[in-house]
């Protein structure tokens, strides 16, 4: 029988509404955003939006949605790696009009 290897940073995967998330924290946040969208607080909820950089690399956030006419990008992080910190700097340079929220 196949045994799933533990996460590098100790995150426990979870399934919410048939969607697999890398961590319980990310799954919980999705559920909250889903309910907010149903209540009309936010709109255009999207999972795993990709942002491309001129150098050829890309950044994949956890969520994108619109709140009060403003596009919000969210990333649920338990641990900020060096690679993530670099991509965060690149994101801020190439997408200055978007708000990135880290949870």
Protein backbone atom coordinates (compact mmCIF):
# COMPACT_ATOMS: atom_id res chain seq x y z
CA UNK A 1 0.00 0.00 0.00
CA UNK A 2 1.23 3.49 -0.86
CA UNK A 3 2.07 5.63 2.16
CA UNK A 4 2.14 9.39 1.72
CA UNK A 5 5.42 11.02 2.63
CA UNK A 6 5.15 13.65 5.41
CA UNK A 7 5.29 17.29 4.39
CA UNK A 8 8.68 18.97 4.48
CA UNK A 9 7.40 21.63 6.88
CA UNK A 10 4.93 19.48 8.83
CA UNK A 11 1.75 20.66 7.08
CA UNK A 12 -1.09 18.18 7.08
CA UNK A 13 -3.02 18.06 3.78
CA UNK A 14 -6.79 18.39 3.97
CA UNK A 15 -9.70 18.01 1.54
CA UNK A 16 -12.40 20.70 1.59
CA UNK A 17 -15.41 20.35 -0.72
CA UNK A 18 -13.52 17.75 -2.75
CA UNK A 19 -10.48 20.03 -3.23
CA UNK A 20 -7.11 18.99 -1.78
CA UNK A 21 -5.17 21.70 0.04
CA UNK A 22 -1.54 21.49 1.17
CA UNK A 23 -2.41 22.46 4.75
CA UNK A 24 -5.33 22.67 7.13
CA UNK A 25 -4.75 26.41 7.41
CA UNK A 26 -5.10 26.86 3.64
CA UNK A 27 -8.22 24.67 3.53
CA UNK A 28 -9.77 26.61 6.38
CA UNK A 29 -9.05 29.91 4.65
CA UNK A 30 -10.65 28.63 1.44
CA UNK A 31 -13.79 27.69 3.35
CA UNK A 32 -13.96 31.19 4.87
CA UNK A 33 -13.47 32.85 1.48
CA UNK A 34 -16.05 30.54 -0.10
CA UNK A 35 -18.64 31.58 2.50
CA UNK A 36 -17.71 35.25 2.05
CA UNK A 37 -18.27 34.92 -1.69
CA UNK A 38 -21.67 33.26 -1.14
CA UNK A 39 -22.61 36.12 1.23
CA UNK A 40 -21.59 38.71 -1.37
CA UNK A 41 -18.73 40.16 0.68
CA UNK A 42 -16.16 39.21 -2.00
CA UNK A 43 -16.42 38.16 -5.65
CA UNK A 44 -14.43 36.36 -8.34
CA UNK A 45 -12.75 33.93 -5.91
CA UNK A 46 -9.98 32.04 -7.70
CA UNK A 47 -7.58 29.39 -6.45
CA UNK A 48 -3.91 29.12 -7.45
CA UNK A 49 -3.57 32.22 -9.68
CA UNK A 50 -0.25 32.36 -11.52
CA UNK A 51 1.83 35.53 -11.91
CA UNK A 52 4.63 35.39 -14.48
CA UNK A 53 7.85 37.36 -14.26
CA UNK A 54 9.96 38.60 -17.21
CA UNK A 55 12.86 36.37 -16.14
CA UNK A 56 10.75 33.30 -16.92
CA UNK A 57 9.91 32.27 -13.36
CA UNK A 58 6.46 32.51 -11.85
CA UNK A 59 4.69 32.91 -8.54
CA UNK A 60 1.61 30.87 -7.70
CA UNK A 61 -0.48 32.41 -4.92
CA UNK A 62 -3.17 30.56 -2.99
CA UNK A 63 -6.15 32.84 -3.70
CA UNK A 64 -7.26 35.89 -5.69
CA UNK A 65 -10.56 37.71 -5.20
CA UNK A 66 -12.17 41.13 -5.45
CA UNK A 67 -13.28 43.03 -2.35
CA UNK A 68 -14.72 46.55 -2.53
CA UNK A 69 -13.54 46.84 -6.14
CA UNK A 70 -9.93 45.99 -5.25
CA UNK A 71 -8.12 42.81 -6.32
CA UNK A 72 -6.63 40.98 -3.34
CA UNK A 73 -4.02 38.24 -3.58
CA UNK A 74 -3.61 35.93 -0.58
CA UNK A 75 -0.96 33.42 0.31
CA UNK A 76 -1.29 31.16 3.34
CA UNK A 77 2.20 30.52 4.68
CA UNK A 78 3.39 28.59 7.66
CA UNK A 79 7.05 29.03 6.75
CA UNK A 80 8.61 31.67 4.49
CA UNK A 81 11.41 30.09 2.47
CA UNK A 82 14.23 31.99 0.76
CA UNK A 83 12.65 31.27 -2.61
CA UNK A 84 9.32 32.67 -1.44
CA UNK A 85 10.99 35.84 -0.13
CA UNK A 86 12.66 36.37 -3.51
CA UNK A 87 9.39 35.82 -5.39
CA UNK A 88 7.62 38.19 -3.00
CA UNK A 89 10.10 40.95 -3.87
CA UNK A 90 9.66 40.24 -7.57
CA UNK A 91 5.87 40.27 -7.20
CA UNK A 92 5.94 43.69 -5.52
CA UNK A 93 8.09 45.11 -8.34
CA UNK A 94 6.12 43.63 -11.26
CA UNK A 95 2.59 43.85 -9.79
CA UNK A 96 2.60 47.05 -7.69
CA UNK A 97 -1.13 47.64 -8.25
CA UNK A 98 -2.12 44.36 -6.56
CA UNK A 99 -2.37 43.89 -2.81
CA UNK A 100 -0.68 40.76 -1.48
CA UNK A 101 -1.80 39.55 1.93
CA UNK A 102 0.17 36.89 3.79
CA UNK A 103 -1.64 34.77 6.35
